[in-house]
């Protein structure tokens, strides 16, 4: 009789408990994961996309690779930068890290 009493003392019921009650910790972990990791990441992606969509000619920008330049032409996928007098390069639009003299909008992958 003693082992049964100790099981009840731990809060377990003889029939194993409600399956819904067993899902509560799993749902809590998923909720915490969403609010701490996924939601801020989604907001960051929206901020970066809004920045890339707002790029226009004559903006002075820096790429994620550290190249400073002035935008001469903006396409759907690429941007033409003038990096020196009569020197223009094309880079992917997603390679633009931010405006010159301001904190980067896009995080670089470096350590």
N, C-alpha and C. Protein backbone atom coordinates (compact mmCIF):
# COMPACT_ATOMS: atom_id res chain seq x y z
N UNK A 1 0.81 -1.20 0.00
CA UNK A 1 0.00 0.00 0.00
C UNK A 1 0.85 1.26 0.00
N UNK A 2 2.01 1.19 0.51
CA UNK A 2 2.85 2.37 0.60
C UNK A 2 3.27 2.93 -0.76
N UNK A 3 3.62 2.10 -1.76
CA UNK A 3 4.00 2.66 -3.06
C UNK A 3 2.85 3.43 -3.71
N UNK A 4 1.62 3.00 -3.59
CA UNK A 4 0.49 3.70 -4.17
C UNK A 4 0.31 5.06 -3.51
N UNK A 5 0.48 5.13 -2.21
CA UNK A 5 0.33 6.38 -1.50
C UNK A 5 1.41 7.38 -1.93
N UNK A 6 2.61 6.89 -2.19
CA UNK A 6 3.66 7.81 -2.61
C UNK A 6 3.41 8.34 -4.02
N UNK A 7 2.78 7.55 -4.87
CA UNK A 7 2.45 8.01 -6.22
C UNK A 7 1.41 9.11 -6.14
N UNK A 8 0.40 8.95 -5.32
CA UNK A 8 -0.62 9.98 -5.16
C UNK A 8 -0.03 11.24 -4.54
N UNK A 9 0.95 11.07 -3.71
CA UNK A 9 1.57 12.23 -3.07
C UNK A 9 2.32 13.07 -4.10
N UNK A 10 2.81 12.46 -5.17
CA UNK A 10 3.51 13.21 -6.22
C UNK A 10 2.55 13.90 -7.17
N UNK A 11 1.28 13.66 -7.04
CA UNK A 11 0.30 14.37 -7.84
C UNK A 11 -0.17 13.60 -9.06
N UNK A 12 0.24 12.36 -9.26
CA UNK A 12 -0.19 11.56 -10.40
C UNK A 12 -1.50 10.87 -10.05
N UNK A 13 -2.38 10.79 -11.01
CA UNK A 13 -3.64 10.09 -10.78
C UNK A 13 -3.51 8.66 -11.28
N UNK A 14 -4.32 7.75 -10.78
CA UNK A 14 -4.18 6.35 -11.17
C UNK A 14 -4.44 6.09 -12.65
N UNK A 15 -5.24 6.93 -13.32
CA UNK A 15 -5.55 6.69 -14.73
C UNK A 15 -4.55 7.37 -15.67
N UNK A 16 -3.50 8.00 -15.19
CA UNK A 16 -2.47 8.58 -16.04
C UNK A 16 -2.67 10.06 -16.31
N UNK A 17 -3.74 10.65 -15.93
CA UNK A 17 -3.96 12.08 -16.11
C UNK A 17 -4.57 12.39 -17.48
N UNK A 18 -5.04 13.57 -17.60
CA UNK A 18 -5.67 14.02 -18.84
C UNK A 18 -4.60 14.23 -19.93
N UNK A 19 -4.87 13.78 -21.15
CA UNK A 19 -3.90 14.03 -22.23
C UNK A 19 -3.73 15.52 -22.52
N UNK A 20 -4.76 16.30 -22.30
CA UNK A 20 -4.67 17.74 -22.52
C UNK A 20 -3.74 18.38 -21.50
N UNK A 21 -3.77 17.89 -20.30
CA UNK A 21 -2.91 18.43 -19.25
C UNK A 21 -1.45 18.11 -19.53
N UNK A 22 -1.19 17.00 -20.19
CA UNK A 22 0.18 16.64 -20.54
C UNK A 22 0.73 17.51 -21.67
N UNK A 23 -0.14 18.12 -22.46
CA UNK A 23 0.30 18.99 -23.56
C UNK A 23 0.65 20.41 -23.10
N UNK A 24 0.24 20.79 -21.91
CA UNK A 24 0.47 22.15 -21.42
C UNK A 24 1.95 22.54 -21.42
N UNK A 25 2.87 21.72 -20.91
CA UNK A 25 4.28 22.13 -20.96
C UNK A 25 4.81 22.29 -22.38
N UNK A 26 4.38 21.42 -23.28
CA UNK A 26 4.80 21.51 -24.67
C UNK A 26 4.31 22.81 -25.31
N UNK A 27 3.06 23.17 -25.05
CA UNK A 27 2.49 24.41 -25.59
C UNK A 27 3.22 25.63 -25.00
N UNK A 28 3.55 25.57 -23.72
CA UNK A 28 4.29 26.68 -23.10
C UNK A 28 5.66 26.85 -23.72
N UNK A 29 6.36 25.76 -23.99
CA UNK A 29 7.68 25.85 -24.62
C UNK A 29 7.56 26.44 -26.02
N UNK A 30 6.56 26.00 -26.79
CA UNK A 30 6.35 26.56 -28.12
C UNK A 30 6.03 28.06 -28.06
N UNK A 31 5.22 28.46 -27.10
CA UNK A 31 4.89 29.87 -26.95
C UNK A 31 6.10 30.71 -26.62
N UNK A 32 6.91 30.24 -25.71
CA UNK A 32 8.13 30.96 -25.35
C UNK A 32 9.07 31.04 -26.55
N UNK A 33 9.24 29.93 -27.27
CA UNK A 33 10.09 29.90 -28.47
C UNK A 33 9.61 30.93 -29.48
N UNK A 34 8.29 31.01 -29.69
CA UNK A 34 7.74 31.96 -30.67
C UNK A 34 8.01 33.40 -30.26
N UNK A 35 7.72 33.75 -29.02
CA UNK A 35 7.84 35.14 -28.60
C UNK A 35 9.28 35.59 -28.38
N UNK A 36 10.19 34.68 -28.06
CA UNK A 36 11.57 35.07 -27.80
C UNK A 36 12.44 34.99 -29.05
N UNK A 37 12.14 34.05 -29.95
CA UNK A 37 13.02 33.85 -31.10
C UNK A 37 12.34 34.23 -32.42
N UNK A 38 11.21 33.64 -32.72
CA UNK A 38 10.61 33.82 -34.04
C UNK A 38 10.03 35.22 -34.28
N UNK A 39 9.35 35.78 -33.33
CA UNK A 39 8.73 37.09 -33.53
C UNK A 39 9.76 38.20 -33.73
N UNK A 40 10.83 38.29 -32.91
CA UNK A 40 11.84 39.31 -33.19
C UNK A 40 12.55 39.11 -34.54
N UNK A 41 12.76 37.86 -34.93
CA UNK A 41 13.40 37.59 -36.21
C UNK A 41 12.51 38.05 -37.37
N UNK A 42 11.22 37.83 -37.23
CA UNK A 42 10.27 38.25 -38.26
C UNK A 42 10.23 39.78 -38.37
N UNK A 43 10.24 40.45 -37.23
CA UNK A 43 10.26 41.92 -37.24
C UNK A 43 11.52 42.47 -37.90
N UNK A 44 12.67 41.83 -37.62
CA UNK A 44 13.94 42.24 -38.21
C UNK A 44 13.91 42.07 -39.73
N UNK A 45 13.36 40.96 -40.21
CA UNK A 45 13.26 40.72 -41.64
C UNK A 45 12.36 41.76 -42.31
N UNK A 46 11.27 42.13 -41.65
CA UNK A 46 10.39 43.15 -42.20
C UNK A 46 11.08 44.50 -42.27
N UNK A 47 11.90 44.82 -41.26
CA UNK A 47 12.63 46.08 -41.24
C UNK A 47 13.65 46.12 -42.37
N UNK A 48 14.37 45.02 -42.58
CA UNK A 48 15.36 44.95 -43.65
C UNK A 48 14.68 45.06 -45.00
N UNK A 49 13.55 44.36 -45.19
CA UNK A 49 12.85 44.42 -46.46
C UNK A 49 12.32 45.83 -46.73
N UNK A 50 11.84 46.52 -45.72
CA UNK A 50 11.37 47.90 -45.90
C UNK A 50 12.53 48.81 -46.29
N UNK A 51 13.71 48.59 -45.69
CA UNK A 51 14.90 49.37 -46.04
C UNK A 51 15.28 49.14 -47.50
N UNK A 52 15.32 47.88 -47.92
CA UNK A 52 15.72 47.57 -49.30
C UNK A 52 14.71 48.12 -50.30
N UNK A 53 13.44 48.09 -49.96
CA UNK A 53 12.41 48.63 -50.86
C UNK A 53 12.49 50.15 -50.96
N UNK A 54 13.05 50.82 -49.96
CA UNK A 54 13.10 52.28 -49.96
C UNK A 54 14.37 52.84 -50.61
N UNK A 55 15.27 51.99 -51.07
CA UNK A 55 16.49 52.47 -51.71
C UNK A 55 16.16 53.24 -52.98
N UNK A 56 16.86 54.36 -53.19
CA UNK A 56 16.61 55.17 -54.38
C UNK A 56 17.93 55.73 -54.91
N UNK A 57 17.88 56.26 -56.10
CA UNK A 57 19.06 56.84 -56.76
C UNK A 57 19.61 57.98 -55.89
N UNK A 58 20.94 58.08 -55.85
CA UNK A 58 21.72 59.09 -55.11
C UNK A 58 21.84 58.81 -53.62
N UNK A 59 21.28 57.72 -53.12
CA UNK A 59 21.52 57.34 -51.72
C UNK A 59 22.97 56.90 -51.58
N UNK A 60 23.60 57.31 -50.49
CA UNK A 60 24.97 56.88 -50.21
C UNK A 60 24.87 55.71 -49.23
N UNK A 61 25.38 54.56 -49.67
CA UNK A 61 25.21 53.32 -48.91
C UNK A 61 26.55 52.62 -48.73
N UNK A 62 26.51 51.60 -47.87
CA UNK A 62 27.64 50.70 -47.68
C UNK A 62 27.12 49.28 -47.82
N UNK A 63 27.90 48.44 -48.50
CA UNK A 63 27.49 47.06 -48.68
C UNK A 63 27.89 46.24 -47.45
N UNK A 64 27.38 45.02 -47.38
CA UNK A 64 27.76 44.15 -46.27
C UNK A 64 29.21 43.73 -46.37
N UNK A 65 29.81 43.89 -47.55
CA UNK A 65 31.23 43.59 -47.73
C UNK A 65 32.13 44.78 -47.44
N UNK A 66 31.55 45.93 -47.12
CA UNK A 66 32.34 47.10 -46.75
C UNK A 66 32.64 48.06 -47.88
N UNK A 67 31.95 47.96 -49.01
CA UNK A 67 32.17 48.88 -50.13
C UNK A 67 31.24 50.07 -49.99
N UNK A 68 31.83 51.26 -50.02
CA UNK A 68 31.06 52.49 -49.96
C UNK A 68 30.74 52.94 -51.38
N UNK A 69 29.53 53.45 -51.59
CA UNK A 69 29.18 53.91 -52.92
C UNK A 69 27.89 54.70 -52.91
N UNK A 70 27.61 55.25 -54.09
CA UNK A 70 26.39 56.02 -54.29
C UNK A 70 25.55 55.28 -55.32
N UNK A 71 24.27 55.13 -55.04
CA UNK A 71 23.39 54.39 -55.93
C UNK A 71 23.14 55.20 -57.20
N UNK A 72 23.40 54.55 -58.34
CA UNK A 72 23.14 55.17 -59.64
C UNK A 72 21.90 54.61 -60.31
N UNK A 73 21.60 53.35 -60.02
CA UNK A 73 20.46 52.69 -60.65
C UNK A 73 19.95 51.59 -59.72
N UNK A 74 18.63 51.47 -59.61
CA UNK A 74 18.02 50.44 -58.76
C UNK A 74 17.12 49.57 -59.63
N UNK A 75 17.37 48.26 -59.60
CA UNK A 75 16.52 47.29 -60.29
C UNK A 75 15.81 46.44 -59.25
N UNK A 76 15.08 45.45 -59.72
CA UNK A 76 14.36 44.55 -58.83
C UNK A 76 15.32 43.75 -57.95
N UNK A 77 16.39 43.21 -58.54
CA UNK A 77 17.31 42.33 -57.84
C UNK A 77 18.68 42.94 -57.56
N UNK A 78 19.07 43.97 -58.30
CA UNK A 78 20.43 44.51 -58.17
C UNK A 78 20.44 46.03 -58.12
N UNK A 79 21.58 46.53 -57.69
CA UNK A 79 21.79 47.96 -57.55
C UNK A 79 23.12 48.30 -58.21
N UNK A 80 23.15 49.41 -58.94
CA UNK A 80 24.41 49.87 -59.53
C UNK A 80 24.98 50.96 -58.62
N UNK A 81 26.21 50.73 -58.15
CA UNK A 81 26.88 51.67 -57.26
C UNK A 81 28.04 52.35 -57.98
N UNK A 82 28.17 53.63 -57.74
CA UNK A 82 29.36 54.34 -58.20
C UNK A 82 30.29 54.42 -57.00
N UNK A 83 31.45 53.73 -57.11
CA UNK A 83 32.37 53.66 -55.98
C UNK A 83 33.55 54.61 -56.14
N UNK A 84 33.74 55.15 -57.34
CA UNK A 84 34.77 56.15 -57.63
C UNK A 84 34.35 56.85 -58.91
N UNK A 85 35.10 57.89 -59.27
CA UNK A 85 34.80 58.61 -60.51
C UNK A 85 34.87 57.64 -61.68
N UNK A 86 33.78 57.50 -62.41
CA UNK A 86 33.67 56.64 -63.59
C UNK A 86 33.87 55.15 -63.28
N UNK A 87 33.67 54.74 -62.05
CA UNK A 87 33.76 53.34 -61.68
C UNK A 87 32.43 52.93 -61.06
N UNK A 88 31.73 52.06 -61.78
CA UNK A 88 30.43 51.60 -61.32
C UNK A 88 30.43 50.08 -61.25
N UNK A 89 29.81 49.57 -60.22
CA UNK A 89 29.68 48.12 -60.07
C UNK A 89 28.22 47.79 -59.80
N UNK A 90 27.86 46.55 -60.11
CA UNK A 90 26.52 46.08 -59.79
C UNK A 90 26.63 45.07 -58.66
N UNK A 91 25.80 45.24 -57.67
CA UNK A 91 25.75 44.32 -56.54
C UNK A 91 24.30 43.91 -56.32
N UNK A 92 24.14 42.78 -55.66
CA UNK A 92 22.79 42.34 -55.31
C UNK A 92 22.17 43.35 -54.35
N UNK A 93 20.90 43.56 -54.52
CA UNK A 93 20.19 44.51 -53.64
C UNK A 93 20.30 44.09 -52.18
N UNK A 94 20.31 42.79 -51.95
CA UNK A 94 20.39 42.29 -50.58
C UNK A 94 21.77 42.49 -49.97
N UNK A 95 22.76 42.88 -50.78
CA UNK A 95 24.12 43.11 -50.26
C UNK A 95 24.27 44.51 -49.68
N UNK A 96 23.25 45.35 -49.81
CA UNK A 96 23.32 46.69 -49.23
C UNK A 96 23.05 46.56 -47.74
N UNK A 97 24.01 47.03 -46.92
CA UNK A 97 23.92 46.86 -45.48
C UNK A 97 23.30 48.03 -44.75
N UNK A 98 23.38 49.22 -45.32
CA UNK A 98 22.82 50.39 -44.66
C UNK A 98 23.30 51.66 -45.32
N UNK A 99 22.88 52.78 -44.77
CA UNK A 99 23.31 54.08 -45.27
C UNK A 99 24.67 54.43 -44.67
N UNK A 100 25.45 55.20 -45.40
CA UNK A 100 26.75 55.63 -44.89
C UNK A 100 26.55 56.53 -43.69
N UNK A 101 27.35 56.32 -42.66
CA UNK A 101 27.30 57.14 -41.45
C UNK A 101 26.20 56.77 -40.47
N UNK A 102 25.47 55.71 -40.76
CA UNK A 102 24.40 55.26 -39.86
C UNK A 102 24.65 53.80 -39.47
N UNK A 103 24.08 53.34 -38.39
CA UNK A 103 24.24 51.93 -38.02
C UNK A 103 23.69 51.02 -39.11
N UNK A 104 24.31 49.86 -39.32
CA UNK A 104 23.84 48.96 -40.37
C UNK A 104 22.44 48.43 -40.10
N UNK A 105 21.68 48.30 -41.17
CA UNK A 105 20.33 47.73 -41.07
C UNK A 105 20.45 46.21 -41.18
N UNK A 106 21.32 45.75 -42.05
CA UNK A 106 21.53 44.32 -42.27
C UNK A 106 22.75 43.90 -41.47
N UNK A 107 22.57 42.84 -40.66
CA UNK A 107 23.69 42.33 -39.87
C UNK A 107 24.64 41.54 -40.76
N UNK A 108 25.93 41.81 -40.64
CA UNK A 108 26.90 41.02 -41.38
C UNK A 108 27.14 39.72 -40.64
N UNK A 109 27.57 38.70 -41.35
CA UNK A 109 27.73 37.38 -40.77
C UNK A 109 29.01 37.21 -39.97
N UNK A 110 29.85 38.24 -39.86
CA UNK A 110 31.14 38.11 -39.16
C UNK A 110 30.99 37.97 -37.67
N UNK A 111 32.06 37.48 -37.04
CA UNK A 111 32.03 37.27 -35.58
C UNK A 111 32.47 38.50 -34.85
